Amino acid sequence: MAPLVKERTWHGPQQFKDAADGAVVMTLDVTDDYALRNWILGFGRFVKVLAPPQLVKSMEEELEAARQQYGAGGVAVDSDVQPPLPFPLTSLANA
């Protein structure tokens, strides 16, 4: 995944640093918002947020909530009811 990430311009001034294990560390100056978080989550297991701490925590919480849907006590997948969203849809309409 690292070569694919490096060949694209994702956002304005971006910096890359190659890691010894073949990974790449990308540094961006962006706003921490819903769009950024969803973009990061779109990389799945191929990405790890290193900083800032509040974004790391947010990603950990989101991934844990997703994991719980597959384990005991999670939302039943055979239910006809949509699982609750982490925010009311009116928040998106007013954004």
N, C-alpha and C. Protein backbone atom coordinates (compact mmCIF):
# COMPACT_ATOMS: atom_id res chain seq x y z
N MET A 1 0.81 -1.19 0.00
CA MET A 1 0.00 0.00 0.00
C MET A 1 0.86 1.26 0.00
N ALA A 2 2.04 1.21 0.61
CA ALA A 2 2.90 2.39 0.73
C ALA A 2 3.22 3.02 -0.62
N PRO A 3 3.62 2.26 -1.64
CA PRO A 3 3.93 2.89 -2.93
C PRO A 3 2.72 3.59 -3.54
N LEU A 4 1.54 3.02 -3.38
CA LEU A 4 0.33 3.65 -3.90
C LEU A 4 0.02 4.96 -3.19
N VAL A 5 0.24 4.99 -1.89
CA VAL A 5 -0.01 6.21 -1.12
C VAL A 5 0.97 7.31 -1.53
N LYS A 6 2.22 6.95 -1.73
CA LYS A 6 3.26 7.94 -2.05
C LYS A 6 3.12 8.55 -3.44
N GLU A 7 2.52 7.84 -4.37
CA GLU A 7 2.45 8.35 -5.74
C GLU A 7 1.31 9.35 -5.96
N ARG A 8 0.50 9.58 -4.96
CA ARG A 8 -0.66 10.47 -5.11
C ARG A 8 -0.53 11.70 -4.23
N THR A 9 -1.05 12.82 -4.72
CA THR A 9 -1.15 14.02 -3.89
C THR A 9 -2.49 13.96 -3.19
N TRP A 10 -2.45 13.83 -1.88
CA TRP A 10 -3.68 13.70 -1.08
C TRP A 10 -4.20 15.04 -0.63
N HIS A 11 -3.25 15.88 -0.18
CA HIS A 11 -3.68 17.17 0.35
C HIS A 11 -2.48 18.12 0.42
N GLY A 12 -2.60 19.21 -0.31
CA GLY A 12 -1.60 20.28 -0.23
C GLY A 12 -0.21 19.82 0.11
N PRO A 13 0.42 20.52 1.04
CA PRO A 13 1.77 20.09 1.43
C PRO A 13 1.70 18.81 2.27
N GLN A 14 2.23 17.76 1.71
CA GLN A 14 2.28 16.49 2.42
C GLN A 14 3.73 16.03 2.47
N GLN A 15 4.05 15.32 3.54
CA GLN A 15 5.42 14.84 3.70
C GLN A 15 5.38 13.33 3.91
N PHE A 16 6.37 12.64 3.35
CA PHE A 16 6.48 11.20 3.51
C PHE A 16 7.84 10.86 4.12
N LYS A 17 7.82 9.85 4.96
CA LYS A 17 9.06 9.33 5.53
C LYS A 17 8.98 7.82 5.45
N ASP A 18 9.96 7.20 4.80
CA ASP A 18 9.98 5.75 4.67
C ASP A 18 10.42 5.12 5.98
N ALA A 19 9.73 4.05 6.38
CA ALA A 19 10.08 3.29 7.58
C ALA A 19 10.91 2.07 7.16
N ALA A 20 11.69 1.55 8.09
CA ALA A 20 12.56 0.42 7.81
C ALA A 20 11.79 -0.83 7.39
N ASP A 21 10.54 -0.95 7.84
CA ASP A 21 9.74 -2.15 7.54
C ASP A 21 8.98 -2.04 6.21
N GLY A 22 9.22 -0.99 5.44
CA GLY A 22 8.55 -0.82 4.16
C GLY A 22 7.32 0.06 4.22
N ALA A 23 6.91 0.41 5.42
CA ALA A 23 5.77 1.30 5.58
C ALA A 23 6.19 2.74 5.26
N VAL A 24 5.21 3.60 5.17
CA VAL A 24 5.49 5.01 4.95
C VAL A 24 4.69 5.82 5.97
N VAL A 25 5.32 6.85 6.50
CA VAL A 25 4.64 7.76 7.43
C VAL A 25 4.32 9.02 6.64
N MET A 26 3.02 9.34 6.57
CA MET A 26 2.59 10.53 5.86
C MET A 26 2.15 11.58 6.87
N THR A 27 2.62 12.79 6.70
CA THR A 27 2.26 13.90 7.57
C THR A 27 1.48 14.92 6.77
N LEU A 28 0.32 15.30 7.30
CA LEU A 28 -0.56 16.28 6.66
C LEU A 28 -0.99 17.31 7.69
N ASP A 29 -1.26 18.50 7.23
CA ASP A 29 -1.83 19.55 8.08
C ASP A 29 -3.28 19.72 7.63
N VAL A 30 -4.19 19.07 8.34
CA VAL A 30 -5.60 19.05 7.95
C VAL A 30 -6.49 19.28 9.17
N THR A 31 -7.76 19.52 8.91
CA THR A 31 -8.75 19.67 9.96
C THR A 31 -9.24 18.30 10.39
N ASP A 32 -9.34 18.07 11.68
CA ASP A 32 -9.87 16.82 12.22
C ASP A 32 -11.39 16.92 12.19
N ASP A 33 -12.00 16.29 11.18
CA ASP A 33 -13.45 16.33 11.06
C ASP A 33 -13.98 14.97 10.60
N TYR A 34 -15.28 14.90 10.40
CA TYR A 34 -15.94 13.67 10.00
C TYR A 34 -15.37 13.13 8.69
N ALA A 35 -15.15 14.00 7.71
CA ALA A 35 -14.62 13.57 6.41
C ALA A 35 -13.23 12.96 6.55
N LEU A 36 -12.37 13.58 7.34
CA LEU A 36 -11.02 13.04 7.56
C LEU A 36 -11.09 11.66 8.21
N ARG A 37 -11.90 11.54 9.23
CA ARG A 37 -11.99 10.27 9.95
C ARG A 37 -12.50 9.15 9.04
N ASN A 38 -13.49 9.44 8.22
CA ASN A 38 -14.00 8.43 7.29
C ASN A 38 -12.96 8.09 6.22
N TRP A 39 -12.20 9.07 5.77
CA TRP A 39 -11.14 8.82 4.80
C TRP A 39 -10.10 7.88 5.40
N ILE A 40 -9.70 8.14 6.62
CA ILE A 40 -8.72 7.29 7.30
C ILE A 40 -9.27 5.88 7.45
N LEU A 41 -10.51 5.75 7.92
CA LEU A 41 -11.11 4.43 8.13
C LEU A 41 -11.23 3.66 6.81
N GLY A 42 -11.31 4.37 5.70
CA GLY A 42 -11.40 3.72 4.40
C GLY A 42 -10.17 2.90 4.04
N PHE A 43 -9.05 3.17 4.69
CA PHE A 43 -7.84 2.39 4.45
C PHE A 43 -7.83 1.10 5.26
N GLY A 44 -8.80 0.96 6.16
CA GLY A 44 -8.90 -0.28 6.95
C GLY A 44 -7.64 -0.59 7.72
N ARG A 45 -7.25 -1.85 7.65
CA ARG A 45 -6.08 -2.31 8.41
C ARG A 45 -4.76 -1.84 7.84
N PHE A 46 -4.79 -1.12 6.74
CA PHE A 46 -3.56 -0.68 6.10
C PHE A 46 -3.09 0.69 6.58
N VAL A 47 -3.71 1.23 7.62
CA VAL A 47 -3.33 2.54 8.13
C VAL A 47 -3.34 2.53 9.66
N LYS A 48 -2.46 3.34 10.22
CA LYS A 48 -2.44 3.54 11.67
C LYS A 48 -2.18 5.01 11.92
N VAL A 49 -3.09 5.66 12.64
CA VAL A 49 -2.93 7.07 12.98
C VAL A 49 -1.94 7.16 14.14
N LEU A 50 -0.93 8.02 14.00
CA LEU A 50 0.10 8.17 15.04
C LEU A 50 -0.09 9.43 15.87
N ALA A 51 -0.72 10.45 15.30
CA ALA A 51 -0.90 11.73 15.99
C ALA A 51 -1.93 12.53 15.22
N PRO A 52 -2.54 13.49 15.83
CA PRO A 52 -2.48 13.91 17.22
C PRO A 52 -3.25 12.94 18.13
N PRO A 53 -2.98 13.00 19.43
CA PRO A 53 -3.57 12.03 20.36
C PRO A 53 -5.10 11.94 20.30
N GLN A 54 -5.79 13.07 20.11
CA GLN A 54 -7.25 13.01 20.09
C GLN A 54 -7.77 12.28 18.85
N LEU A 55 -7.05 12.35 17.74
CA LEU A 55 -7.45 11.61 16.54
C LEU A 55 -7.16 10.13 16.72
N VAL A 56 -6.04 9.80 17.34
CA VAL A 56 -5.72 8.40 17.64
C VAL A 56 -6.83 7.81 18.49
N LYS A 57 -7.22 8.52 19.54
CA LYS A 57 -8.28 8.04 20.44
C LYS A 57 -9.60 7.87 19.70
N SER A 58 -9.93 8.81 18.85
CA SER A 58 -11.16 8.73 18.08
C SER A 58 -11.17 7.49 17.18
N MET A 59 -10.04 7.21 16.53
CA MET A 59 -9.94 6.03 15.66
C MET A 59 -10.06 4.75 16.47
N GLU A 60 -9.41 4.72 17.63
CA GLU A 60 -9.51 3.54 18.50
C GLU A 60 -10.95 3.28 18.90
N GLU A 61 -11.66 4.33 19.29
CA GLU A 61 -13.06 4.19 19.72
C GLU A 61 -13.94 3.73 18.57
N GLU A 62 -13.74 4.30 17.39
CA GLU A 62 -14.55 3.92 16.23
C GLU A 62 -14.32 2.47 15.84
N LEU A 63 -13.05 2.06 15.83
CA LEU A 63 -12.75 0.67 15.47
C LEU A 63 -13.25 -0.30 16.52
N GLU A 64 -13.20 0.07 17.78
CA GLU A 64 -13.72 -0.79 18.83
C GLU A 64 -15.24 -0.93 18.70
N ALA A 65 -15.93 0.15 18.40
CA ALA A 65 -17.38 0.09 18.21
C ALA A 65 -17.73 -0.82 17.03
N ALA A 66 -16.94 -0.73 15.96
CA ALA A 66 -17.17 -1.60 14.80
C ALA A 66 -16.89 -3.06 15.17
N ARG A 67 -15.82 -3.30 15.91
CA ARG A 67 -15.48 -4.67 16.32
C ARG A 67 -16.57 -5.28 17.17
N GLN A 68 -17.16 -4.50 18.04
CA GLN A 68 -18.21 -5.01 18.93
C GLN A 68 -19.43 -5.50 18.16
N GLN A 69 -19.65 -5.02 16.97
CA GLN A 69 -20.78 -5.48 16.18
C GLN A 69 -20.62 -6.95 15.77
N TYR A 70 -19.40 -7.47 15.83
CA TYR A 70 -19.14 -8.84 15.42
C TYR A 70 -18.97 -9.79 16.61
N GLY A 71 -18.91 -9.25 17.81
CA GLY A 71 -18.70 -10.08 18.98
C GLY A 71 -19.95 -10.18 19.83
N ALA A 72 -19.83 -10.89 20.93
CA ALA A 72 -20.94 -11.04 21.87
C ALA A 72 -21.37 -9.68 22.37
N GLY A 73 -22.65 -9.47 22.43
CA GLY A 73 -23.18 -8.21 22.92
C GLY A 73 -23.29 -7.14 21.85
N GLY A 74 -22.88 -7.44 20.64
CA GLY A 74 -22.97 -6.48 19.55
C GLY A 74 -24.37 -6.44 18.98
N VAL A 75 -24.55 -5.63 17.99
CA VAL A 75 -25.84 -5.50 17.32
C VAL A 75 -26.12 -6.77 16.53
N ALA A 76 -27.33 -7.30 16.63
CA ALA A 76 -27.71 -8.50 15.90
C ALA A 76 -27.73 -8.21 14.41
N VAL A 77 -27.02 -9.02 13.64
CA VAL A 77 -26.94 -8.77 12.20
C VAL A 77 -28.19 -9.24 11.47
N ASP A 78 -29.00 -10.10 12.08
CA ASP A 78 -30.19 -10.58 11.40
C ASP A 78 -31.42 -9.74 11.77
N SER A 79 -31.21 -8.66 12.45
CA SER A 79 -32.30 -7.79 12.85
C SER A 79 -32.80 -6.98 11.66
N ASP A 80 -34.09 -6.69 11.64
CA ASP A 80 -34.67 -5.83 10.62
C ASP A 80 -34.50 -4.36 10.96
N VAL A 81 -33.95 -4.09 12.13
CA VAL A 81 -33.77 -2.72 12.59
C VAL A 81 -32.35 -2.28 12.31
N GLN A 82 -32.20 -1.12 11.73
CA GLN A 82 -30.86 -0.59 11.46
C GLN A 82 -30.16 -0.31 12.78
N PRO A 83 -28.87 -0.69 12.90
CA PRO A 83 -28.12 -0.36 14.12
C PRO A 83 -28.09 1.15 14.32
N PRO A 84 -28.04 1.59 15.57
CA PRO A 84 -28.01 3.02 15.83
C PRO A 84 -26.73 3.64 15.31
N LEU A 85 -26.85 4.81 14.72
CA LEU A 85 -25.68 5.54 14.25
C LEU A 85 -25.04 6.28 15.43
N PRO A 86 -23.76 6.63 15.31
CA PRO A 86 -23.09 7.32 16.41
C PRO A 86 -23.50 8.78 16.52
N PHE A 87 -24.38 9.24 15.63
CA PHE A 87 -24.82 10.63 15.65
C PHE A 87 -26.18 10.70 14.97
N PRO A 88 -27.00 11.67 15.33
CA PRO A 88 -28.28 11.81 14.65
C PRO A 88 -28.09 12.34 13.23
N LEU A 89 -28.90 11.87 12.31
CA LEU A 89 -28.78 12.30 10.91
C LEU A 89 -29.03 13.80 10.76
N THR A 90 -29.75 14.39 11.70
CA THR A 90 -29.97 15.84 11.61
C THR A 90 -28.66 16.59 11.73
N SER A 91 -27.65 15.98 12.36
CA SER A 91 -26.34 16.63 12.45
C SER A 91 -25.72 16.80 11.08
N LEU A 92 -25.90 15.83 10.21
CA LEU A 92 -25.35 15.93 8.86
C LEU A 92 -26.11 16.97 8.05
N ALA A 93 -27.41 17.01 8.21
CA ALA A 93 -28.22 17.94 7.46
C ALA A 93 -27.89 19.39 7.81
N ASN A 94 -27.49 19.60 9.05
CA ASN A 94 -27.19 20.94 9.52
C ASN A 94 -25.72 21.30 9.37
N ALA A 95 -24.91 20.37 8.89
CA ALA A 95 -23.46 20.60 8.79
C ALA A 95 -23.13 21.51 7.64
